[in-house]
Amino acid sequence: MRTDGALAIGVLGEVSASRDGKPIDLGGLKQRAVLALLVLAGGDVVPADRLVDSLWGEAQPRNGTGALHSYLSHLRKRLATH
């Protein structure tokens, strides 16, 4: 584990993140799934509709895009350096 303030993200097993060896609370299952999908995209742009489809498939909530934006906002706050 790096100790220079770098963010470490694990996607094998449970999705996890840490900074300086300290775990970061990533929130719930869907929120962690969003992070995993973005990490696995390898820096490529992932359209919101593809993320929504990956998260819910045919059982999308009425406001899936709004929920996705909420997950992204929470992830940004949790992963931000202060």
C-alpha atoms as a PDB file:
ATOM      1  CA  MET A   1       0.000   0.000   0.000  1.00  0.00           C
ATOM      2  CA  ARG A   2       1.347   3.417  -0.929  1.00  0.00           C
ATOM      3  CA  THR A   3       1.739   6.033   1.771  1.00  0.00           C
ATOM      4  CA  ASP A   4       2.096   9.176  -0.362  1.00  0.00           C
ATOM      5  CA  GLY A   5      -1.553  10.205  -0.240  1.00  0.00           C
ATOM      6  CA  ALA A   6      -2.407   8.189  -3.341  1.00  0.00           C
ATOM      7  CA  LEU A   7      -5.825   6.643  -3.597  1.00  0.00           C
ATOM      8  CA  ALA A   8      -5.922   2.837  -3.797  1.00  0.00           C
ATOM      9  CA  ILE A   9      -9.050   1.179  -5.183  1.00  0.00           C
ATOM     10  CA  GLY A  10      -9.694  -2.563  -5.068  1.00  0.00           C
ATOM     11  CA  VAL A  11     -12.225  -4.229  -7.346  1.00  0.00           C
ATOM     12  CA  LEU A  12     -11.394  -7.903  -6.812  1.00  0.00           C
ATOM     13  CA  GLY A  13     -13.680  -9.152  -4.082  1.00  0.00           C
ATOM     14  CA  GLU A  14     -15.556  -6.382  -2.313  1.00  0.00           C
ATOM     15  CA  VAL A  15     -15.023  -2.977  -3.904  1.00  0.00           C
ATOM     16  CA  SER A  16     -12.851  -0.950  -1.539  1.00  0.00           C
ATOM     17  CA  ALA A  17     -10.810   2.220  -1.404  1.00  0.00           C
ATOM     18  CA  SER A  18      -8.144   3.550   0.904  1.00  0.00           C
ATOM     19  CA  ARG A  19      -5.853   6.524   1.228  1.00  0.00           C
ATOM     20  CA  ASP A  20      -2.580   6.200   3.144  1.00  0.00           C
ATOM     21  CA  GLY A  21      -3.694   2.721   4.171  1.00  0.00           C
ATOM     22  CA  LYS A  22      -6.861   4.040   5.818  1.00  0.00           C
ATOM     23  CA  PRO A  23     -10.122   2.586   4.483  1.00  0.00           C
ATOM     24  CA  ILE A  24     -12.665   4.937   2.928  1.00  0.00           C
ATOM     25  CA  ASP A  25     -16.369   4.287   3.469  1.00  0.00           C
ATOM     26  CA  LEU A  26     -17.731   4.036  -0.077  1.00  0.00           C
ATOM     27  CA  GLY A  27     -21.381   3.766   0.907  1.00  0.00           C
ATOM     28  CA  GLY A  28     -23.868   1.172  -0.246  1.00  0.00           C
ATOM     29  CA  LEU A  29     -23.736  -1.608  -2.813  1.00  0.00           C
ATOM     30  CA  LYS A  30     -24.973   0.433  -5.800  1.00  0.00           C
ATOM     31  CA  GLN A  31     -22.594   3.275  -5.017  1.00  0.00           C
ATOM     32  CA  ARG A  32     -19.659   0.828  -4.862  1.00  0.00           C
ATOM     33  CA  ALA A  33     -20.886  -0.749  -8.108  1.00  0.00           C
ATOM     34  CA  VAL A  34     -20.740   2.657  -9.829  1.00  0.00           C
ATOM     35  CA  LEU A  35     -17.120   3.062  -8.725  1.00  0.00           C
ATOM     36  CA  ALA A  36     -16.245  -0.443  -9.951  1.00  0.00           C
ATOM     37  CA  LEU A  37     -17.838   0.216 -13.348  1.00  0.00           C
ATOM     38  CA  LEU A  38     -15.859   3.438 -13.729  1.00  0.00           C
ATOM     39  CA  VAL A  39     -12.583   1.815 -12.657  1.00  0.00           C
ATOM     40  CA  LEU A  40     -13.100  -1.088 -15.041  1.00  0.00           C
ATOM     41  CA  ALA A  41     -13.673   1.374 -17.897  1.00  0.00           C
ATOM     42  CA  GLY A  42      -9.979   2.220 -17.619  1.00  0.00           C
ATOM     43  CA  GLY A  43     -10.352   5.970 -18.008  1.00  0.00           C
ATOM     44  CA  ASP A  44     -12.811   5.782 -20.905  1.00  0.00           C
ATOM     45  CA  VAL A  45     -15.983   7.847 -20.772  1.00  0.00           C
ATOM     46  CA  VAL A  46     -18.941   5.780 -19.592  1.00  0.00           C
ATOM     47  CA  PRO A  47     -22.327   7.191 -20.668  1.00  0.00           C
ATOM     48  CA  ALA A  48     -24.870   7.632 -17.882  1.00  0.00           C
ATOM     49  CA  ASP A  49     -27.403   5.399 -19.645  1.00  0.00           C
ATOM     50  CA  ARG A  50     -24.880   2.538 -19.719  1.00  0.00           C
ATOM     51  CA  LEU A  51     -24.240   2.958 -15.993  1.00  0.00           C
ATOM     52  CA  VAL A  52     -27.981   2.997 -15.276  1.00  0.00           C
ATOM     53  CA  ASP A  53     -28.452  -0.158 -17.396  1.00  0.00           C
ATOM     54  CA  SER A  54     -25.569  -1.875 -15.613  1.00  0.00           C
ATOM     55  CA  LEU A  55     -26.923  -0.993 -12.182  1.00  0.00           C
ATOM     56  CA  TRP A  56     -30.585  -1.881 -12.666  1.00  0.00           C
ATOM     57  CA  GLY A  57     -31.092  -3.611 -16.023  1.00  0.00           C
ATOM     58  CA  GLU A  58     -34.786  -3.918 -16.803  1.00  0.00           C
ATOM     59  CA  ALA A  59     -35.781  -3.020 -13.217  1.00  0.00           C
ATOM     60  CA  GLN A  60     -34.696   0.630 -13.426  1.00  0.00           C
ATOM     61  CA  PRO A  61     -36.237   2.966 -10.879  1.00  0.00           C
ATOM     62  CA  ARG A  62     -38.343   5.866 -12.101  1.00  0.00           C
ATOM     63  CA  ASN A  63     -35.454   8.296 -11.626  1.00  0.00           C
ATOM     64  CA  GLY A  64     -32.434   6.079 -12.267  1.00  0.00           C
ATOM     65  CA  THR A  65     -30.419   8.944 -13.710  1.00  0.00           C
ATOM     66  CA  GLY A  66     -31.086  11.061 -10.627  1.00  0.00           C
ATOM     67  CA  ALA A  67     -30.041   8.200  -8.353  1.00  0.00           C
ATOM     68  CA  LEU A  68     -26.872   7.742 -10.422  1.00  0.00           C
ATOM     69  CA  HIS A  69     -26.018  11.434 -10.063  1.00  0.00           C
ATOM     70  CA  SER A  70     -26.535  11.150  -6.310  1.00  0.00           C
ATOM     71  CA  TYR A  71     -24.176   8.143  -6.124  1.00  0.00           C
ATOM     72  CA  LEU A  72     -21.546  10.017  -8.128  1.00  0.00           C
ATOM     73  CA  SER A  73     -21.835  13.086  -5.915  1.00  0.00           C
ATOM     74  CA  HIS A  74     -21.436  11.003  -2.757  1.00  0.00           C
ATOM     75  CA  LEU A  75     -18.446   9.158  -4.232  1.00  0.00           C
ATOM     76  CA  ARG A  76     -16.747  12.437  -5.166  1.00  0.00           C
ATOM     77  CA  LYS A  77     -17.129  13.697  -1.606  1.00  0.00           C
ATOM     78  CA  ARG A  78     -15.902  10.465  -0.036  1.00  0.00           C
ATOM     79  CA  LEU A  79     -12.884  10.162  -2.350  1.00  0.00           C
ATOM     80  CA  ALA A  80     -11.889  13.835  -2.275  1.00  0.00           C
ATOM     81  CA  THR A  81      -8.708  14.943  -0.571  1.00  0.00           C
ATOM     82  CA  HIS A  82      -9.130  17.753   1.928  1.00  0.00           C
END
